Amino acid sequence: MKIKDSLYLKFIDYGLELASSIPRHFSKFSKKIYNNQQHVVLLVLKQKLKVTYRDLIEWIKINEPVRLMLGLSRVPHHTTLVKFAKRIKPKLLNLLLPFRKAKHVAVDATGFELEEKSYYYRTIWNSNRRQKTRRFMKLSIAVDTDKQRILTYKIRKSRAHDTRDFELLLRDIKADYVLADKGYASRKNRTFVYTIINAIPQIPFKKCSSKSGYYQRKAAKDFNEKIYHQRSKIETIFGVIKKKYGSILRARNITTQKIELITKLIAYNIDRKSILTTLLIRGFQQSRFSTYASSKIY
């Protein structure tokens, strides 16, 4: 296999393409040994490899093709990445999630643990209720169910109802259908989808929900069970992120925890991009082969 066909090099190449929208340096007085785009890709690569900062740097030291792809004249110290993760603003990383348009958009939320204490320690062995811990970071996302990629996100440290982030996730998205479970079932959310997004809400009604009102009756009439079941793909995305990049945030403070979680989302989208590209190339090669074979037969 050729080195250029490596999935890691393709991952880095697409990561650098996305990171090109970020300013190369925060200050004109920077030493300019490294740039922000290299730092961001290294943070995302750290999530893909599921390693610590030290292990990432050691891995880069023995991978010359990776250094060449990143354009590193010398390998940075691991504390350089730690300081960059503390300095960069989470909103700046929104530029690395550029997709805002899809036919079917699903919305849901999940939690990420903030510590590595075992379940036994937290619930059974430690019987004193004051010492029990249930800390987590709540992540809400909107995804394109057809291409299974993340469009927007919202992160909260405190407990909050799912519907609180519904409008924030969909405000800048163009969609034909918006899919969500009964946790998002409300008159306000359905009206928002119809009037602001200009889409059709696929949100099932609760047993106690009233169907009075123009948009409530319209939503009940437009509800399609087959389209709604596309929503299950967002659960698949949550499962992939947690299994592939980890369900525990190792950072200590809330800012770096958000950076860690956002880079997990970016790593997922980059991996998804490489998968779609590979499938597209294979489909093109198969179509060429079938056309060539049919021409030989006739």
Protein backbone atom coordinates (compact mmCIF):
# COMPACT_ATOMS: atom_id res chain seq x y z
CA MET A 1 0.00 0.00 0.00
CA LYS A 2 1.26 3.47 -0.86
CA ILE A 3 1.87 5.91 1.98
CA LYS A 4 -0.36 8.53 0.33
CA ASP A 5 -3.30 6.09 0.64
CA SER A 6 -3.02 6.09 4.44
CA LEU A 7 -6.30 6.97 6.17
CA TYR A 8 -4.38 9.07 8.70
CA LEU A 9 -2.84 11.21 5.96
CA LYS A 10 -6.23 11.66 4.33
CA PHE A 11 -7.65 12.58 7.74
CA ILE A 12 -4.93 15.22 8.24
CA ASP A 13 -5.28 16.54 4.70
CA TYR A 14 -9.02 17.15 5.06
CA GLY A 15 -8.48 18.54 8.55
CA LEU A 16 -6.03 21.11 7.18
CA GLU A 17 -8.53 21.99 4.47
CA LEU A 18 -11.20 22.71 7.09
CA ALA A 19 -8.77 24.56 9.36
CA SER A 20 -7.79 26.92 6.54
CA SER A 21 -10.76 29.10 7.56
CA ILE A 22 -9.06 29.79 10.92
CA PRO A 23 -6.51 32.64 11.20
CA ARG A 24 -2.96 31.31 11.02
CA HIS A 25 -1.82 33.35 14.03
CA PHE A 26 -3.60 35.16 16.86
CA SER A 27 -0.95 37.89 17.10
CA LYS A 28 1.49 39.55 14.74
CA PHE A 29 4.09 39.20 17.48
CA SER A 30 3.86 35.40 17.43
CA LYS A 31 7.11 33.49 16.91
CA LYS A 32 5.40 31.79 13.93
CA ILE A 33 7.16 28.48 14.51
CA TYR A 34 3.76 26.79 14.40
CA ASN A 35 0.40 28.09 13.24
CA ASN A 36 -3.14 27.73 14.57
CA GLN A 37 -4.18 25.40 11.77
CA GLN A 38 -1.47 22.90 12.72
CA HIS A 39 -2.47 23.12 16.38
CA VAL A 40 -6.16 22.52 15.64
CA VAL A 41 -5.46 19.49 13.46
CA LEU A 42 -3.21 18.05 16.18
CA LEU A 43 -6.00 18.48 18.76
CA VAL A 44 -8.45 16.70 16.45
CA LEU A 45 -5.89 13.98 15.68
CA LYS A 46 -5.48 13.45 19.43
CA GLN A 47 -9.17 12.53 19.66
CA LYS A 48 -8.91 10.15 16.71
CA LEU A 49 -5.98 8.33 18.29
CA LYS A 50 -7.52 8.45 21.82
CA VAL A 51 -4.16 9.30 23.40
CA THR A 52 -2.74 11.89 25.80
CA TYR A 53 -0.82 14.98 24.71
CA ARG A 54 2.50 13.30 25.52
CA ASP A 55 1.64 10.15 23.57
CA LEU A 56 0.49 12.20 20.57
CA ILE A 57 3.83 14.01 20.39
CA GLU A 58 5.76 10.74 20.71
CA TRP A 59 3.65 9.27 17.89
CA ILE A 60 4.38 12.27 15.67
CA LYS A 61 8.14 11.98 16.32
CA ILE A 62 8.28 8.57 14.63
CA ASN A 63 5.93 9.46 11.73
CA GLU A 64 7.79 11.48 9.15
CA PRO A 65 4.93 11.43 6.55
CA VAL A 66 2.62 12.94 9.18
CA ARG A 67 5.11 15.72 9.96
CA LEU A 68 5.50 16.47 6.24
CA MET A 69 1.74 16.58 5.73
CA LEU A 70 1.36 18.97 8.67
CA GLY A 71 4.30 21.08 7.52
CA LEU A 72 6.11 20.77 10.86
CA SER A 73 9.73 21.86 10.68
CA ARG A 74 10.14 20.55 14.22
CA VAL A 75 7.93 18.65 16.65
CA PRO A 76 6.19 20.84 19.27
CA HIS A 77 6.38 20.14 23.00
CA HIS A 78 3.19 18.67 24.46
CA THR A 79 2.70 21.73 26.68
CA THR A 80 2.41 23.85 23.52
CA LEU A 81 -0.81 22.01 22.63
CA VAL A 82 -2.06 22.21 26.22
CA LYS A 83 -1.62 26.00 26.25
CA PHE A 84 -3.27 26.32 22.83
CA ALA A 85 -6.31 24.30 24.00
CA LYS A 86 -6.70 26.71 26.93
CA ARG A 87 -6.30 29.78 24.72
CA ILE A 88 -8.52 29.01 21.73
CA LYS A 89 -12.20 29.95 21.94
CA PRO A 90 -14.80 27.20 21.35
CA LYS A 91 -16.73 29.48 18.96
CA LEU A 92 -13.71 29.62 16.66
CA LEU A 93 -13.98 25.87 16.11
CA ASN A 94 -17.48 26.35 14.68
CA LEU A 95 -15.73 27.15 11.41
CA LEU A 96 -14.69 23.49 11.23
CA LEU A 97 -18.35 22.40 11.08
CA PRO A 98 -19.32 24.18 7.84
CA PHE A 99 -22.38 22.17 6.81
CA ARG A 100 -25.74 23.90 7.29
CA LYS A 101 -28.04 22.30 4.72
CA ALA A 102 -29.72 18.88 4.59
CA LYS A 103 -32.98 17.25 3.57
CA HIS A 104 -33.59 15.36 6.83
CA VAL A 105 -32.25 16.94 10.03
CA ALA A 106 -32.51 15.11 13.37
CA VAL A 107 -32.08 16.67 16.81
CA ASP A 108 -31.22 14.93 20.08
CA ALA A 109 -29.01 15.14 23.18
CA THR A 110 -26.67 12.92 25.18
CA GLY A 111 -24.21 13.17 28.06
CA PHE A 112 -20.43 12.77 28.43
CA GLU A 113 -18.81 11.87 31.75
CA LEU A 114 -16.29 14.25 33.30
CA GLU A 115 -14.36 11.78 35.43
CA GLU A 116 -13.00 8.25 35.35
CA LYS A 117 -14.28 7.07 38.72
CA SER A 118 -15.83 3.64 38.41
CA TYR A 119 -19.58 3.11 38.71
CA TYR A 120 -18.93 0.91 41.77
CA TYR A 121 -17.01 3.66 43.55
CA ARG A 122 -19.55 6.34 42.73
CA THR A 123 -22.71 4.43 43.67
CA ILE A 124 -22.02 1.41 45.87
CA TRP A 125 -18.73 1.59 47.77
CA ASN A 126 -19.12 5.30 48.51
CA SER A 127 -22.40 5.11 50.43
CA ASN A 128 -22.26 8.69 51.74
CA ARG A 129 -24.65 10.64 49.52
CA ARG A 130 -22.70 13.86 49.91
CA GLN A 131 -19.69 12.26 48.26
CA LYS A 132 -21.56 10.74 45.34
CA THR A 133 -20.87 12.41 42.01
CA ARG A 134 -23.11 12.68 38.95
CA ARG A 135 -21.23 15.23 36.89
CA PHE A 136 -21.61 15.22 33.13
CA MET A 137 -21.48 17.50 30.10
CA LYS A 138 -24.66 17.66 28.04
CA LEU A 139 -24.30 17.69 24.27
CA SER A 140 -27.15 18.55 21.90
CA ILE A 141 -26.60 18.19 18.15
CA ALA A 142 -28.41 18.51 14.85
CA VAL A 143 -27.34 16.00 12.19
CA ASP A 144 -27.89 15.23 8.54
CA THR A 145 -29.40 11.75 8.69
CA ASP A 146 -28.78 11.03 4.99
CA LYS A 147 -25.00 11.60 5.14
CA GLN A 148 -24.76 11.04 8.92
CA ARG A 149 -22.69 14.12 9.66
CA ILE A 150 -22.98 16.74 12.38
CA LEU A 151 -24.33 20.16 11.43
CA THR A 152 -24.51 22.15 14.68
CA TYR A 153 -24.08 21.57 18.41
CA LYS A 154 -24.78 23.07 21.82
CA ILE A 155 -22.87 22.18 25.00
CA ARG A 156 -24.14 22.74 28.55
CA LYS A 157 -22.51 21.97 31.88
CA SER A 158 -25.72 22.26 33.92
CA ARG A 159 -28.93 20.26 33.65
CA ALA A 160 -31.44 21.66 31.17
CA HIS A 161 -34.46 20.38 29.30
CA ASP A 162 -33.83 19.27 25.70
CA THR A 163 -36.27 21.80 24.22
CA ARG A 164 -34.15 24.69 25.53
CA ASP A 165 -31.60 24.16 22.75
CA PHE A 166 -34.01 23.21 19.96
CA GLU A 167 -34.17 26.65 18.32
CA LEU A 168 -30.46 27.34 18.87
CA LEU A 169 -29.52 24.20 16.95
CA LEU A 170 -31.81 24.87 13.98
CA ARG A 171 -31.57 28.64 13.67
CA ASP A 172 -29.05 28.66 10.78
CA ILE A 173 -30.03 25.38 9.12
CA LYS A 174 -31.94 24.82 5.89
CA ALA A 175 -33.92 21.58 5.87
CA ASP A 176 -37.00 19.93 4.40
CA TYR A 177 -37.83 17.80 7.45
CA VAL A 178 -36.90 18.17 11.13
CA LEU A 179 -36.95 14.96 13.17
CA ALA A 180 -37.07 14.77 16.95
CA ASP A 181 -38.47 12.49 19.65
CA LYS A 182 -41.31 13.24 22.07
CA GLY A 183 -38.96 15.12 24.37
CA TYR A 184 -39.14 17.98 21.86
CA ALA A 185 -42.90 17.74 21.36
CA SER A 186 -44.37 21.19 21.93
CA ARG A 187 -46.54 23.66 20.10
CA LYS A 188 -43.72 26.21 20.14
CA ASN A 189 -41.19 23.88 18.48
CA ARG A 190 -43.55 22.80 15.71
CA THR A 191 -44.53 26.39 14.98
CA PHE A 192 -40.83 27.36 14.88
CA VAL A 193 -40.08 24.64 12.30
CA TYR A 194 -42.98 25.69 10.08
CA THR A 195 -42.54 29.45 10.26
CA ILE A 196 -38.75 30.00 10.67
CA ILE A 197 -37.13 26.91 9.13
CA ASN A 198 -39.86 26.49 6.48
CA ALA A 199 -39.67 22.74 7.02
CA ILE A 200 -42.03 19.96 8.08
CA PRO A 201 -41.67 18.79 11.70
CA GLN A 202 -41.62 15.04 12.25
CA ILE A 203 -42.19 15.10 16.00
CA PRO A 204 -44.69 12.58 17.45
CA PHE A 205 -47.44 13.79 19.76
CA LYS A 206 -47.63 12.80 23.38
CA LYS A 207 -50.79 11.12 24.60
CA CYS A 208 -51.71 14.20 26.62
CA SER A 209 -50.88 16.66 23.83
CA SER A 210 -53.60 18.82 22.33
CA LYS A 211 -53.95 19.00 18.55
CA SER A 212 -55.93 22.22 18.52
CA GLY A 213 -54.55 25.09 16.50
CA TYR A 214 -53.52 25.44 12.86
CA TYR A 215 -49.91 24.24 13.13
CA GLN A 216 -50.77 21.42 15.54
CA ARG A 217 -53.38 20.02 13.12
CA LYS A 218 -51.01 20.52 10.20
CA ALA A 219 -48.19 18.70 12.04
CA ALA A 220 -50.49 15.77 12.83
CA LYS A 221 -51.50 15.56 9.17
CA ASP A 222 -47.91 15.85 7.85
CA PHE A 223 -46.43 13.29 10.26
CA ASN A 224 -44.89 10.35 8.39
CA GLU A 225 -43.83 7.31 10.39
CA LYS A 226 -41.33 6.17 7.75
CA ILE A 227 -39.54 9.53 7.66
CA TYR A 228 -39.60 9.82 11.46
CA HIS A 229 -37.71 6.53 11.89
CA GLN A 230 -34.71 8.13 10.16
CA ARG A 231 -34.22 9.81 13.56
CA SER A 232 -32.65 6.61 14.92
CA LYS A 233 -29.48 7.42 12.93
CA ILE A 234 -28.61 10.15 15.43
CA GLU A 235 -28.41 7.46 18.12
CA THR A 236 -25.96 5.63 15.87
CA ILE A 237 -23.85 8.79 15.62
CA PHE A 238 -23.77 9.15 19.42
CA GLY A 239 -22.68 5.53 19.73
CA VAL A 240 -19.89 5.91 17.16
CA ILE A 241 -18.53 9.07 18.82
CA LYS A 242 -18.45 7.51 22.29
CA LYS A 243 -16.96 4.19 21.19
CA LYS A 244 -14.44 5.57 18.72
CA TYR A 245 -13.33 8.76 20.49
CA GLY A 246 -14.31 8.06 24.10
CA SER A 247 -17.29 8.93 26.31
CA ILE A 248 -15.16 10.53 29.07
CA LEU A 249 -13.77 14.07 28.95
CA ARG A 250 -10.31 14.10 30.53
CA ALA A 251 -9.84 17.88 30.67
CA ARG A 252 -10.08 19.58 34.06
CA ASN A 253 -11.88 22.91 33.49
CA ILE A 254 -15.05 23.67 31.56
CA THR A 255 -13.34 25.56 28.73
CA THR A 256 -10.92 22.77 27.82
CA GLN A 257 -13.70 20.21 28.31
CA LYS A 258 -15.72 22.01 25.65
CA ILE A 259 -12.69 22.11 23.34
CA GLU A 260 -12.16 18.38 23.85
CA LEU A 261 -15.80 17.60 23.08
CA ILE A 262 -15.91 19.84 20.00
CA THR A 263 -12.76 18.23 18.60
CA LYS A 264 -14.44 14.84 18.99
CA LEU A 265 -17.29 16.10 16.80
CA ILE A 266 -14.85 17.47 14.22
CA ALA A 267 -12.91 14.18 14.20
CA TYR A 268 -16.15 12.30 13.58
CA ASN A 269 -17.09 14.56 10.65
CA ILE A 270 -13.64 14.21 9.08
CA ASP A 271 -13.77 10.42 9.39
CA ARG A 272 -17.27 10.46 7.93
CA LYS A 273 -16.03 12.57 5.02
CA SER A 274 -13.28 10.05 4.25
CA ILE A 275 -15.79 7.18 4.38
CA LEU A 276 -18.16 8.92 1.96
CA THR A 277 -15.27 9.74 -0.38
CA THR A 278 -14.09 6.11 -0.34
CA LEU A 279 -17.60 4.82 -1.07
CA LEU A 280 -17.95 7.33 -3.91
CA ILE A 281 -14.64 6.24 -5.47
CA ARG A 282 -15.54 2.56 -5.16
CA GLY A 283 -18.92 3.17 -6.74
CA PHE A 284 -17.29 5.04 -9.63
CA GLN A 285 -14.73 2.25 -10.15
CA GLN A 286 -17.43 -0.43 -10.10
CA SER A 287 -19.53 1.48 -12.62
CA ARG A 288 -16.51 1.81 -14.92
CA PHE A 289 -15.78 -1.91 -14.59
CA SER A 290 -19.39 -2.90 -15.32
CA THR A 291 -19.45 -0.60 -18.37
CA TYR A 292 -16.16 -2.10 -19.61
CA ALA A 293 -17.41 -5.68 -19.01
CA SER A 294 -20.68 -5.07 -20.84
CA SER A 295 -18.82 -3.57 -23.81
CA LYS A 296 -16.63 -6.71 -24.01
CA ILE A 297 -19.68 -8.98 -23.93
CA TYR A 298 -21.39 -7.22 -26.78
